[in-house]
Amino acid sequence: MRGAVFEVWKETNSTQGLQTRGINPDRKVTEGCATDRDGVCTFPGLEEGWYYVVETAVPEGYVLPRNRVRGPLHLEESTPDHLLVITLENKRDDQGKGGKGKGPKRPAE
């Protein structure tokens, strides 16, 4: 499906889990990649190491998953074709009103 957007972060601070802020965050290695019509997004040129993939936007009519982070994923010299393949499925917005990747709106209080 076209239009989902992902970033890749490299584990660089030896702290478990992805840290995107603070004094010693992990390093973002891509600004973002939108999936093509086949739903594929590629990140060429990654060196060996541990990575996290973060979904930052979804196609209209879909909602971001609660857990937008996948990983850690290990890329090493022996990884077949030097590729990590991740399959993700987005859920449709239950209310039928896609928020251009902003997720469902919270009810008014």
N, C-alpha and C. Protein backbone atom coordinates (compact mmCIF):
# COMPACT_ATOMS: atom_id res chain seq x y z
N MET A 1 0.84 -1.16 0.00
CA MET A 1 0.00 0.00 0.00
C MET A 1 0.89 1.24 0.00
N ARG A 2 0.58 2.17 -0.83
CA ARG A 2 1.35 3.39 -0.99
C ARG A 2 1.06 4.36 0.16
N GLY A 3 2.12 5.05 0.62
CA GLY A 3 1.92 6.17 1.52
C GLY A 3 2.27 6.01 2.98
N ALA A 4 2.64 4.82 3.43
CA ALA A 4 3.13 4.70 4.80
C ALA A 4 4.57 5.24 4.81
N VAL A 5 4.94 5.94 5.87
CA VAL A 5 6.27 6.56 5.95
C VAL A 5 7.03 5.98 7.14
N PHE A 6 8.30 5.67 6.90
CA PHE A 6 9.15 5.05 7.92
C PHE A 6 10.48 5.77 8.03
N GLU A 7 11.03 5.76 9.25
CA GLU A 7 12.39 6.23 9.53
C GLU A 7 13.16 5.04 10.07
N VAL A 8 14.49 5.10 9.93
CA VAL A 8 15.35 4.07 10.50
C VAL A 8 16.31 4.75 11.47
N TRP A 9 16.42 4.17 12.66
CA TRP A 9 17.32 4.66 13.70
C TRP A 9 18.32 3.56 14.03
N LYS A 10 19.57 3.94 14.21
CA LYS A 10 20.60 2.98 14.59
C LYS A 10 20.82 3.04 16.09
N GLU A 11 20.91 1.87 16.70
CA GLU A 11 21.22 1.76 18.13
C GLU A 11 22.66 2.22 18.33
N THR A 12 22.84 3.32 19.03
CA THR A 12 24.19 3.88 19.19
C THR A 12 24.55 4.21 20.63
N ASN A 13 23.60 4.10 21.57
CA ASN A 13 23.90 4.54 22.93
C ASN A 13 23.93 3.41 23.95
N SER A 14 23.82 2.17 23.51
CA SER A 14 23.90 1.00 24.39
C SER A 14 22.86 0.99 25.50
N THR A 15 21.75 1.70 25.30
CA THR A 15 20.63 1.66 26.23
C THR A 15 19.50 0.90 25.56
N GLN A 16 18.93 -0.07 26.26
CA GLN A 16 17.88 -0.90 25.67
C GLN A 16 16.71 -0.06 25.21
N GLY A 17 16.19 -0.36 24.01
CA GLY A 17 15.06 0.36 23.44
C GLY A 17 15.51 1.59 22.68
N LEU A 18 14.61 2.14 21.91
CA LEU A 18 14.90 3.30 21.08
C LEU A 18 14.77 4.58 21.89
N GLN A 19 15.80 5.40 21.85
CA GLN A 19 15.76 6.73 22.45
C GLN A 19 15.93 7.75 21.32
N THR A 20 14.95 8.62 21.15
CA THR A 20 14.99 9.61 20.07
C THR A 20 15.29 11.01 20.59
N ARG A 21 15.32 11.18 21.91
CA ARG A 21 15.56 12.49 22.52
C ARG A 21 16.48 12.33 23.71
N GLY A 22 16.81 13.46 24.31
CA GLY A 22 17.65 13.44 25.50
C GLY A 22 19.09 13.73 25.17
N ILE A 23 19.95 13.50 26.16
CA ILE A 23 21.36 13.87 25.98
C ILE A 23 22.15 12.86 25.17
N ASN A 24 21.65 11.63 25.05
CA ASN A 24 22.38 10.60 24.32
C ASN A 24 21.41 9.73 23.52
N PRO A 25 20.72 10.32 22.53
CA PRO A 25 19.75 9.51 21.76
C PRO A 25 20.44 8.58 20.78
N ASP A 26 19.68 7.59 20.31
CA ASP A 26 20.16 6.79 19.20
C ASP A 26 20.21 7.69 17.97
N ARG A 27 20.85 7.23 16.89
CA ARG A 27 21.07 8.08 15.71
C ARG A 27 20.08 7.75 14.60
N LYS A 28 19.35 8.79 14.15
CA LYS A 28 18.46 8.60 13.00
C LYS A 28 19.32 8.55 11.74
N VAL A 29 19.15 7.48 10.95
CA VAL A 29 19.98 7.31 9.76
C VAL A 29 19.22 7.63 8.48
N THR A 30 17.90 7.81 8.57
CA THR A 30 17.12 8.21 7.40
C THR A 30 16.09 9.24 7.81
N GLU A 31 15.78 10.14 6.93
CA GLU A 31 14.75 11.15 7.19
C GLU A 31 13.35 10.59 7.01
N GLY A 32 13.21 9.58 6.24
CA GLY A 32 11.90 8.98 6.02
C GLY A 32 11.79 8.46 4.61
N CYS A 33 11.01 7.43 4.48
CA CYS A 33 10.79 6.80 3.19
C CYS A 33 9.31 6.45 3.10
N ALA A 34 8.66 6.90 2.05
CA ALA A 34 7.24 6.57 1.84
C ALA A 34 7.17 5.31 0.98
N THR A 35 6.29 4.41 1.36
CA THR A 35 6.14 3.18 0.58
C THR A 35 5.61 3.49 -0.81
N ASP A 36 6.04 2.68 -1.76
CA ASP A 36 5.59 2.83 -3.15
C ASP A 36 4.26 2.11 -3.35
N ARG A 37 3.81 2.01 -4.60
CA ARG A 37 2.50 1.41 -4.87
C ARG A 37 2.43 -0.06 -4.47
N ASP A 38 3.60 -0.71 -4.35
CA ASP A 38 3.64 -2.10 -3.91
C ASP A 38 3.77 -2.22 -2.40
N GLY A 39 3.83 -1.08 -1.70
CA GLY A 39 3.97 -1.09 -0.25
C GLY A 39 5.39 -1.34 0.21
N VAL A 40 6.36 -1.04 -0.64
CA VAL A 40 7.76 -1.31 -0.34
C VAL A 40 8.51 -0.01 -0.09
N CYS A 41 9.36 -0.06 0.90
CA CYS A 41 10.24 1.06 1.23
C CYS A 41 11.62 0.46 1.48
N THR A 42 12.65 1.00 0.85
CA THR A 42 13.99 0.44 1.03
C THR A 42 14.93 1.50 1.61
N PHE A 43 15.89 1.01 2.36
CA PHE A 43 16.89 1.87 2.99
C PHE A 43 18.27 1.33 2.64
N PRO A 44 18.80 1.72 1.48
CA PRO A 44 20.08 1.17 1.04
C PRO A 44 21.26 1.74 1.84
N GLY A 45 22.34 0.99 1.83
CA GLY A 45 23.60 1.48 2.39
C GLY A 45 23.71 1.41 3.90
N LEU A 46 22.88 0.62 4.57
CA LEU A 46 23.01 0.50 6.01
C LEU A 46 24.21 -0.36 6.36
N GLU A 47 24.98 0.10 7.33
CA GLU A 47 26.13 -0.69 7.79
C GLU A 47 25.67 -1.71 8.82
N GLU A 48 26.57 -2.61 9.19
CA GLU A 48 26.22 -3.61 10.19
C GLU A 48 25.85 -2.93 11.50
N GLY A 49 24.92 -3.53 12.21
CA GLY A 49 24.53 -3.00 13.50
C GLY A 49 23.10 -3.32 13.84
N TRP A 50 22.61 -2.69 14.91
CA TRP A 50 21.25 -2.87 15.39
C TRP A 50 20.43 -1.65 15.01
N TYR A 51 19.19 -1.89 14.53
CA TYR A 51 18.35 -0.82 14.02
C TYR A 51 16.93 -0.92 14.56
N TYR A 52 16.25 0.23 14.51
CA TYR A 52 14.82 0.32 14.80
C TYR A 52 14.15 0.96 13.59
N VAL A 53 12.97 0.47 13.24
CA VAL A 53 12.17 1.07 12.17
C VAL A 53 10.96 1.70 12.84
N VAL A 54 10.72 2.99 12.53
CA VAL A 54 9.63 3.74 13.15
C VAL A 54 8.66 4.18 12.06
N GLU A 55 7.39 3.82 12.23
CA GLU A 55 6.36 4.27 11.30
C GLU A 55 5.90 5.66 11.74
N THR A 56 6.02 6.65 10.85
CA THR A 56 5.70 8.03 11.22
C THR A 56 4.41 8.55 10.60
N ALA A 57 3.91 7.89 9.56
CA ALA A 57 2.66 8.31 8.92
C ALA A 57 2.05 7.12 8.20
N VAL A 58 0.74 7.18 8.05
CA VAL A 58 0.00 6.11 7.36
C VAL A 58 -0.82 6.72 6.23
N PRO A 59 -1.25 5.91 5.26
CA PRO A 59 -2.10 6.42 4.19
C PRO A 59 -3.44 6.91 4.74
N GLU A 60 -4.08 7.79 4.01
CA GLU A 60 -5.40 8.29 4.40
C GLU A 60 -6.35 7.11 4.59
N GLY A 61 -7.14 7.17 5.66
CA GLY A 61 -8.09 6.10 5.96
C GLY A 61 -7.54 5.05 6.90
N TYR A 62 -6.28 5.19 7.32
CA TYR A 62 -5.66 4.24 8.23
C TYR A 62 -5.17 4.96 9.47
N VAL A 63 -4.89 4.21 10.52
CA VAL A 63 -4.40 4.79 11.77
C VAL A 63 -3.02 4.23 12.10
N LEU A 64 -2.22 5.07 12.75
CA LEU A 64 -0.92 4.61 13.21
C LEU A 64 -1.11 3.55 14.29
N PRO A 65 -0.28 2.52 14.29
CA PRO A 65 -0.38 1.52 15.36
C PRO A 65 0.06 2.12 16.69
N ARG A 66 -0.41 1.54 17.78
CA ARG A 66 0.00 2.03 19.10
C ARG A 66 1.50 1.94 19.28
N ASN A 67 2.08 0.82 18.86
CA ASN A 67 3.52 0.67 18.93
C ASN A 67 4.07 0.88 17.53
N ARG A 68 4.61 2.06 17.28
CA ARG A 68 5.10 2.42 15.95
C ARG A 68 6.54 1.98 15.71
N VAL A 69 7.19 1.39 16.72
CA VAL A 69 8.60 1.02 16.63
C VAL A 69 8.74 -0.49 16.47
N ARG A 70 9.57 -0.90 15.53
CA ARG A 70 9.92 -2.31 15.34
C ARG A 70 11.41 -2.44 15.57
N GLY A 71 11.80 -3.43 16.35
CA GLY A 71 13.22 -3.65 16.58
C GLY A 71 13.47 -3.95 18.05
N PRO A 72 14.72 -4.18 18.35
CA PRO A 72 15.88 -3.98 17.50
C PRO A 72 16.03 -5.10 16.46
N LEU A 73 16.52 -4.71 15.30
CA LEU A 73 16.76 -5.61 14.19
C LEU A 73 18.26 -5.64 13.92
N HIS A 74 18.82 -6.83 13.78
CA HIS A 74 20.27 -6.94 13.63
C HIS A 74 20.65 -7.18 12.17
N LEU A 75 21.47 -6.29 11.64
CA LEU A 75 21.99 -6.41 10.29
C LEU A 75 23.48 -6.71 10.41
N GLU A 76 23.90 -7.82 9.82
CA GLU A 76 25.30 -8.21 9.88
C GLU A 76 25.76 -8.72 8.53
N GLU A 77 27.04 -8.95 8.41
CA GLU A 77 27.61 -9.39 7.14
C GLU A 77 26.94 -10.66 6.62
N SER A 78 26.55 -11.55 7.52
CA SER A 78 25.96 -12.82 7.10
C SER A 78 24.46 -12.73 6.82
N THR A 79 23.85 -11.55 7.01
CA THR A 79 22.43 -11.39 6.72
C THR A 79 22.21 -11.62 5.22
N PRO A 80 21.33 -12.55 4.82
CA PRO A 80 21.13 -12.84 3.40
C PRO A 80 20.83 -11.59 2.58
N ASP A 81 21.58 -11.40 1.51
CA ASP A 81 21.45 -10.26 0.59
C ASP A 81 21.59 -8.91 1.31
N HIS A 82 22.07 -8.93 2.54
CA HIS A 82 22.24 -7.72 3.35
C HIS A 82 20.92 -6.95 3.46
N LEU A 83 19.80 -7.73 3.58
CA LEU A 83 18.46 -7.14 3.66
C LEU A 83 17.74 -7.60 4.92
N LEU A 84 17.08 -6.68 5.57
CA LEU A 84 16.14 -7.01 6.63
C LEU A 84 14.76 -6.74 6.07
N VAL A 85 13.89 -7.72 6.11
CA VAL A 85 12.54 -7.58 5.56
C VAL A 85 11.55 -7.56 6.72
N ILE A 86 10.72 -6.52 6.75
CA ILE A 86 9.71 -6.37 7.78
C ILE A 86 8.36 -6.24 7.09
N THR A 87 7.39 -7.00 7.55
CA THR A 87 6.04 -6.90 7.00
C THR A 87 5.13 -6.31 8.08
N LEU A 88 4.48 -5.20 7.76
CA LEU A 88 3.58 -4.54 8.70
C LEU A 88 2.22 -4.37 8.04
N GLU A 89 1.18 -4.45 8.83
CA GLU A 89 -0.17 -4.22 8.33
C GLU A 89 -0.80 -3.10 9.12
N ASN A 90 -1.34 -2.12 8.42
CA ASN A 90 -2.03 -1.01 9.08
C ASN A 90 -3.52 -1.31 9.14
N LYS A 91 -4.14 -0.84 10.20
CA LYS A 91 -5.58 -1.01 10.35
C LYS A 91 -6.30 0.22 9.84
N ARG A 92 -7.48 -0.03 9.27
CA ARG A 92 -8.31 1.07 8.80
C ARG A 92 -8.83 1.85 9.98
N ASP A 93 -9.08 3.12 9.73
CA ASP A 93 -9.69 3.99 10.72
C ASP A 93 -11.12 3.51 10.93
N ASP A 94 -11.49 3.13 12.16
CA ASP A 94 -12.83 2.60 12.44
C ASP A 94 -13.93 3.58 12.09
N GLN A 95 -13.62 4.84 12.10
CA GLN A 95 -14.65 5.85 11.85
C GLN A 95 -14.70 6.26 10.38
N GLY A 96 -13.82 5.64 9.57
CA GLY A 96 -13.86 5.89 8.14
C GLY A 96 -13.38 7.27 7.74
N LYS A 97 -12.74 7.95 8.67
CA LYS A 97 -12.22 9.29 8.38
C LYS A 97 -10.73 9.29 8.64
N GLY A 98 -9.97 8.99 7.62
CA GLY A 98 -8.53 8.96 7.79
C GLY A 98 -8.01 10.32 8.19
N GLY A 99 -7.00 10.31 9.02
CA GLY A 99 -6.45 11.56 9.51
C GLY A 99 -5.11 11.89 8.92
N LYS A 100 -4.82 11.42 7.73
CA LYS A 100 -3.54 11.66 7.08
C LYS A 100 -2.40 11.30 8.03
N GLY A 101 -2.53 10.13 8.67
CA GLY A 101 -1.46 9.64 9.51
C GLY A 101 -1.48 10.17 10.92
N LYS A 102 -2.48 10.91 11.32
CA LYS A 102 -2.49 11.49 12.65
C LYS A 102 -3.18 10.58 13.66
N GLY A 103 -3.76 9.49 13.22
CA GLY A 103 -4.41 8.57 14.14
C GLY A 103 -5.81 9.06 14.49
N PRO A 104 -6.51 8.29 15.31
CA PRO A 104 -7.88 8.66 15.67
C PRO A 104 -7.90 9.89 16.58
N LYS A 105 -8.96 10.66 16.47
CA LYS A 105 -9.11 11.83 17.33
C LYS A 105 -9.63 11.38 18.69
N ARG A 106 -9.18 12.05 19.73
CA ARG A 106 -9.65 11.74 21.08
C ARG A 106 -10.99 12.42 21.31
N PRO A 107 -11.86 11.78 22.07
CA PRO A 107 -13.15 12.40 22.35
C PRO A 107 -12.99 13.67 23.17
N ALA A 108 -13.88 14.61 22.96
CA ALA A 108 -13.85 15.87 23.71
C ALA A 108 -14.22 15.58 25.16
N GLU A 109 -13.60 16.30 26.07
CA GLU A 109 -13.89 16.11 27.49
C GLU A 109 -14.85 17.14 28.00
